[in-house]
Amino acid sequence: MSQLRYFARGPRAAVEAAYARLDAAFEAFGAPVSIFEADEDEQIFEVSIYFEEVPAQAADILALFEPLSPETEHIDASIDWMQSVLADLKPVRAGRFLVHGAHDRARVGANDIGILIEAGQAFGTGHHGTTAGCLTMIGDILRRKAPRNALDLGTGSAVLAIAVARLARIPVLATDIDPVAVDVARANVRANGVAARVRTEVAIGFNGPAFADGACFDLIVANILAGPLMRLAPAMERRLERGGDIILSGILARQRQAVLAAYRDQALYHRRTIRMGDWVTLHLSR
């Protein structure tokens, strides 16, 4: 039995735009979508989407790659596609953070904060502009402030929760809507030696047992999508401690003003924007 992979290579902006369209279209179906830098010197990126069989809407899927020229590949289903992708990824630096696979452990320097992300079924390797932007913002904020606790909402691989726990050494709640992602996050937390600080839970937004105690947070990080971020703005404000900070990403540059407006309505103020390609990361506070 084989899996089917649709993929295309091209300039970063075009590949990230295709990734966003594919991810939004197939998030509910659980079709894995990946993006990575295929050629560092030429700044060529690759985006892929995987299926167990030929999808009925194949023509529509290929259209989501435009203006790239997608190709089709049949791959051995016995091969872990995530392991295969991550094996080719180079470590990613964002400030002091160095996100790496086990094969690059030796590249972590004495002054680096290494974050080991192994193959799994949740994304967050640092290669996407949203993750790298959040890591950079986390480092900047934690140089100036000392939060007492933090929330990573939509944790995925838990890379951001691990970053906060390793740098600030504070309790972090890491939640995700996907139980599989939470299992991956929990494994990554253990692999990075921060299981005593990071609690991983399944939750939809701010609903669920993880939030039953009504706790508020000094730092909230949410790398999801613009639509959910705007809908969650009132809940974010209620859960943010006075003087606290929010980091938001998963936002296309053209969506920035709409997201900022939703948070201004909650008396939260824009402090800084980091742009990486078509994506932005926002820092807001009271």
Protein backbone atom coordinates (compact mmCIF):
# COMPACT_ATOMS: atom_id res chain seq x y z
CA MET A 1 0.00 0.00 0.00
CA SER A 2 1.27 3.49 -0.81
CA GLN A 3 0.51 7.03 0.22
CA LEU A 4 -0.04 9.82 -2.28
CA ARG A 5 1.91 13.05 -1.97
CA TYR A 6 1.15 16.25 -3.89
CA PHE A 7 4.07 18.67 -3.64
CA ALA A 8 5.61 21.75 -5.22
CA ARG A 9 8.74 23.86 -4.83
CA GLY A 10 9.20 27.57 -5.31
CA PRO A 11 9.99 30.92 -3.66
CA ARG A 12 9.18 31.19 0.03
CA ALA A 13 6.23 33.57 -0.31
CA ALA A 14 4.44 31.43 -2.91
CA VAL A 15 5.08 28.20 -0.99
CA GLU A 16 3.88 29.68 2.31
CA ALA A 17 0.73 30.98 0.61
CA ALA A 18 0.03 27.52 -0.84
CA TYR A 19 0.70 25.96 2.57
CA ALA A 20 -1.85 28.29 4.18
CA ARG A 21 -4.51 27.44 1.59
CA LEU A 22 -3.93 23.69 1.87
CA ASP A 23 -3.83 23.77 5.67
CA ALA A 24 -7.06 25.76 5.89
CA ALA A 25 -8.85 23.57 3.33
CA PHE A 26 -7.89 20.21 4.82
CA GLU A 27 -7.41 20.89 8.54
CA ALA A 28 -10.76 19.27 9.38
CA PHE A 29 -9.92 16.15 7.35
CA GLY A 30 -6.59 15.56 9.08
CA ALA A 31 -4.59 15.47 5.82
CA PRO A 32 -0.97 16.22 6.83
CA VAL A 33 0.54 19.34 5.25
CA SER A 34 4.26 20.11 5.53
CA ILE A 35 6.57 22.93 4.54
CA PHE A 36 10.35 23.12 4.67
CA GLU A 37 13.35 24.89 3.17
CA ALA A 38 14.60 22.70 0.33
CA ASP A 39 17.52 24.89 -0.77
CA GLU A 40 18.92 27.39 1.73
CA ASP A 41 21.24 29.09 -0.75
CA GLU A 42 18.53 29.67 -3.36
CA GLN A 43 15.76 30.25 -0.78
CA ILE A 44 13.63 27.50 -2.33
CA PHE A 45 10.88 25.99 -0.17
CA GLU A 46 8.71 22.90 -0.62
CA VAL A 47 5.10 22.30 0.41
CA SER A 48 3.44 18.85 0.49
CA ILE A 49 0.08 17.33 1.34
CA TYR A 50 -0.41 13.60 1.96
CA PHE A 51 -3.36 11.26 1.34
CA GLU A 52 -3.92 7.56 1.93
CA GLU A 53 -5.66 7.25 -1.45
CA VAL A 54 -6.41 9.38 -4.50
CA PRO A 55 -8.86 12.05 -3.28
CA ALA A 56 -12.07 12.70 -5.19
CA GLN A 57 -11.26 16.42 -5.36
CA ALA A 58 -7.75 15.98 -6.82
CA ALA A 59 -8.18 18.78 -9.38
CA ASP A 60 -9.29 21.22 -6.69
CA ILE A 61 -6.30 20.29 -4.55
CA LEU A 62 -3.86 20.93 -7.39
CA ALA A 63 -5.47 24.36 -7.94
CA LEU A 64 -4.58 25.32 -4.34
CA PHE A 65 -0.89 25.15 -5.27
CA GLU A 66 -1.15 27.93 -7.89
CA PRO A 67 0.99 29.64 -9.14
CA LEU A 68 3.34 26.75 -8.28
CA SER A 69 3.52 23.65 -10.48
CA PRO A 70 2.59 20.69 -8.30
CA GLU A 71 3.86 17.14 -8.81
CA THR A 72 2.52 13.80 -7.63
CA GLU A 73 4.48 11.05 -5.88
CA HIS A 74 3.48 7.63 -4.58
CA ILE A 75 5.45 6.74 -1.46
CA ASP A 76 5.77 3.58 0.61
CA ALA A 77 3.20 3.77 3.41
CA SER A 78 5.55 1.82 5.68
CA ILE A 79 7.83 4.87 5.75
CA ASP A 80 7.06 7.46 8.43
CA TRP A 81 6.56 10.51 6.21
CA MET A 82 7.15 12.94 9.08
CA GLN A 83 10.44 11.24 9.98
CA SER A 84 11.45 11.46 6.35
CA VAL A 85 10.67 15.18 6.17
CA LEU A 86 12.33 16.06 9.47
CA ALA A 87 15.46 14.09 8.67
CA ASP A 88 16.22 16.61 5.92
CA LEU A 89 15.49 19.71 7.98
CA LYS A 90 18.30 21.92 9.17
CA PRO A 91 18.30 23.36 12.71
CA VAL A 92 16.43 26.65 13.00
CA ARG A 93 17.75 29.53 15.08
CA ALA A 94 15.46 32.15 16.62
CA GLY A 95 17.40 34.30 19.06
CA ARG A 96 19.01 31.95 21.60
CA PHE A 97 16.67 29.12 20.66
CA LEU A 98 17.92 26.39 18.33
CA VAL A 99 15.23 23.97 17.21
CA HIS A 100 16.81 20.72 16.01
CA GLY A 101 16.31 17.03 15.41
CA ALA A 102 18.20 14.30 17.20
CA HIS A 103 20.59 14.03 14.25
CA ASP A 104 21.72 17.65 14.86
CA ARG A 105 22.07 17.51 18.64
CA ALA A 106 25.81 18.15 18.36
CA ARG A 107 25.17 21.52 16.71
CA VAL A 108 23.67 23.01 19.89
CA GLY A 109 26.22 25.51 21.24
CA ALA A 110 27.08 26.27 24.85
CA ASN A 111 24.99 29.46 24.84
CA ASP A 112 22.10 28.02 22.85
CA ILE A 113 18.79 26.91 24.29
CA GLY A 114 18.31 23.71 22.34
CA ILE A 115 14.81 22.42 21.66
CA LEU A 116 14.65 18.86 20.42
CA ILE A 117 11.66 18.19 18.16
CA GLU A 118 11.47 14.65 16.87
CA ALA A 119 9.21 13.27 14.18
CA GLY A 120 5.55 13.14 15.13
CA GLN A 121 2.06 13.93 13.96
CA ALA A 122 2.01 17.61 14.96
CA PHE A 123 3.84 20.49 13.34
CA GLY A 124 6.03 23.09 14.96
CA THR A 125 9.64 22.53 13.94
CA GLY A 126 10.56 26.22 13.78
CA HIS A 127 10.85 26.23 9.99
CA HIS A 128 7.56 28.01 9.42
CA GLY A 129 7.62 31.79 9.83
CA THR A 130 4.89 31.72 12.47
CA THR A 131 6.84 29.41 14.81
CA ALA A 132 10.12 31.25 14.29
CA GLY A 133 8.35 34.58 14.88
CA CYS A 134 6.85 33.34 18.14
CA LEU A 135 10.20 32.01 19.35
CA THR A 136 11.85 35.34 18.60
CA MET A 137 9.10 37.25 20.41
CA ILE A 138 9.23 34.89 23.42
CA GLY A 139 12.97 35.51 23.76
CA ASP A 140 12.53 39.28 23.50
CA ILE A 141 9.76 39.44 26.11
CA LEU A 142 11.50 37.13 28.58
CA ARG A 143 14.64 39.26 28.45
CA ARG A 144 12.61 42.16 29.88
CA LYS A 145 9.93 40.55 32.01
CA ALA A 146 9.55 37.68 34.46
CA PRO A 147 6.11 36.07 34.08
CA ARG A 148 4.97 33.68 36.79
CA ASN A 149 3.12 31.31 34.46
CA ALA A 150 2.24 30.89 30.79
CA LEU A 151 -0.28 29.34 28.40
CA ASP A 152 0.52 27.88 24.97
CA LEU A 153 -2.88 27.69 23.24
CA GLY A 154 -2.86 25.39 20.20
CA THR A 155 0.46 23.90 21.21
CA GLY A 156 1.00 21.45 18.31
CA SER A 157 4.47 20.01 18.90
CA ALA A 158 4.82 22.04 22.15
CA VAL A 159 7.88 23.81 20.77
CA LEU A 160 6.71 27.17 22.14
CA ALA A 161 5.75 25.77 25.55
CA ILE A 162 9.16 24.11 25.77
CA ALA A 163 10.87 27.38 24.84
CA VAL A 164 9.08 29.28 27.62
CA ALA A 165 9.70 26.54 30.19
CA ARG A 166 13.38 26.29 29.37
CA LEU A 167 14.08 30.03 29.31
CA ALA A 168 11.79 31.29 32.09
CA ARG A 169 11.59 28.11 34.21
CA ILE A 170 7.93 28.69 35.02
CA PRO A 171 4.78 26.52 34.88
CA VAL A 172 3.30 26.33 31.37
CA LEU A 173 -0.10 24.94 30.36
CA ALA A 174 0.01 23.63 26.76
CA THR A 175 -3.34 22.82 25.14
CA ASP A 176 -4.51 21.65 21.75
CA ILE A 177 -7.82 20.68 20.18
CA ASP A 178 -6.24 17.51 18.70
CA PRO A 179 -5.59 14.58 21.08
CA VAL A 180 -2.90 13.23 18.73
CA ALA A 181 -1.08 16.56 18.85
CA VAL A 182 -1.27 16.51 22.65
CA ASP A 183 0.31 13.03 22.71
CA VAL A 184 3.13 14.30 20.48
CA ALA A 185 3.49 17.43 22.61
CA ARG A 186 3.73 15.35 25.78
CA ALA A 187 6.48 13.20 24.26
CA ASN A 188 8.42 16.29 23.16
CA VAL A 189 8.06 17.85 26.61
CA ARG A 190 9.55 14.73 28.18
CA ALA A 191 12.35 14.58 25.60
CA ASN A 192 13.33 18.17 26.45
CA GLY A 193 13.39 17.58 30.20
CA VAL A 194 10.60 20.02 31.10
CA ALA A 195 7.82 17.60 32.08
CA ALA A 196 7.85 19.03 35.61
CA ARG A 197 6.99 22.50 34.27
CA VAL A 198 4.78 21.85 31.21
CA ARG A 199 1.29 20.33 31.52
CA THR A 200 -0.26 19.15 28.26
CA GLU A 201 -4.06 18.92 27.94
CA VAL A 202 -6.75 18.59 25.28
CA ALA A 203 -8.97 21.69 25.15
CA ILE A 204 -11.11 23.56 22.63
CA GLY A 205 -10.25 27.21 23.09
CA PHE A 206 -10.62 27.98 26.76
CA ASN A 207 -13.18 25.23 27.34
CA GLY A 208 -12.48 22.02 29.18
CA PRO A 209 -11.13 20.70 32.48
CA ALA A 210 -7.73 22.32 31.88
CA PHE A 211 -9.35 25.75 32.47
CA ALA A 212 -11.88 24.76 35.11
CA ASP A 213 -9.89 26.47 37.87
CA GLY A 214 -10.36 29.88 36.24
CA ALA A 215 -6.62 30.59 36.29
CA CYS A 216 -5.18 33.63 34.55
CA PHE A 217 -1.79 33.85 32.87
CA ASP A 218 1.05 36.36 32.74
CA LEU A 219 1.98 35.20 29.22
CA ILE A 220 -0.29 33.71 26.57
CA VAL A 221 1.09 32.38 23.28
CA ALA A 222 -1.31 31.33 20.51
CA ASN A 223 0.00 30.27 17.10
CA ILE A 224 -3.19 29.14 15.37
CA LEU A 225 -5.17 31.01 12.66
CA ALA A 226 -6.50 34.56 12.35
CA GLY A 227 -10.20 33.60 12.49
CA PRO A 228 -10.01 31.64 15.77
CA LEU A 229 -7.69 34.27 17.24
CA MET A 230 -10.26 37.00 16.61
CA ARG A 231 -13.09 34.90 18.06
CA LEU A 232 -10.99 34.15 21.15
CA ALA A 233 -10.10 37.81 21.84
CA PRO A 234 -12.65 38.30 24.68
CA ALA A 235 -11.60 35.06 26.37
CA MET A 236 -7.91 35.96 25.97
CA GLU A 237 -8.54 39.27 27.72
CA ARG A 238 -10.36 37.56 30.60
CA ARG A 239 -7.55 35.05 31.07
CA LEU A 240 -4.69 37.57 30.92
CA GLU A 241 -3.29 38.86 34.19
CA ARG A 242 -2.96 42.61 34.67
CA GLY A 243 0.30 43.68 33.05
CA GLY A 244 0.46 40.42 31.09
CA ASP A 245 1.55 39.82 27.50
CA ILE A 246 0.01 38.00 24.53
CA ILE A 247 1.89 36.64 21.50
CA LEU A 248 -0.29 35.83 18.48
CA SER A 249 0.68 34.21 15.18
CA GLY A 250 -0.70 32.09 12.36
CA ILE A 251 -1.67 35.45 10.86
CA LEU A 252 -1.09 36.49 7.27
CA ALA A 253 0.18 40.04 6.85
CA ARG A 254 -3.08 41.06 5.16
CA GLN A 255 -5.02 39.85 8.23
CA ARG A 256 -2.97 41.88 10.71
CA GLN A 257 -5.22 44.91 11.00
CA ALA A 258 -8.36 42.80 11.52
CA VAL A 259 -6.71 40.81 14.32
CA LEU A 260 -5.37 43.97 15.97
CA ALA A 261 -8.83 45.56 15.83
CA ALA A 262 -10.37 42.56 17.61
CA TYR A 263 -7.87 42.92 20.46
CA ARG A 264 -8.10 46.70 20.65
CA ASP A 265 -11.80 46.16 21.33
CA GLN A 266 -10.69 44.28 24.46
CA ALA A 267 -8.43 47.15 25.59
CA LEU A 268 -5.31 45.25 24.62
CA TYR A 269 -2.62 47.25 22.90
CA HIS A 270 -0.19 46.47 20.11
CA ARG A 271 3.46 46.57 21.16
CA ARG A 272 5.36 45.03 18.26
CA THR A 273 5.01 43.13 14.98
CA ILE A 274 7.53 40.69 13.51
CA ARG A 275 7.06 39.84 9.83
CA MET A 276 8.54 36.73 8.24
CA GLY A 277 7.52 36.33 4.62
CA ASP A 278 3.74 36.57 4.36
CA TRP A 279 3.26 35.89 8.07
CA VAL A 280 3.25 38.16 11.11
CA THR A 281 3.64 37.63 14.83
CA LEU A 282 2.02 40.16 17.15
CA HIS A 283 2.86 41.23 20.70
CA LEU A 284 0.03 42.78 22.69
CA SER A 285 -0.36 43.72 26.34
CA ARG A 286 -2.63 45.59 28.71
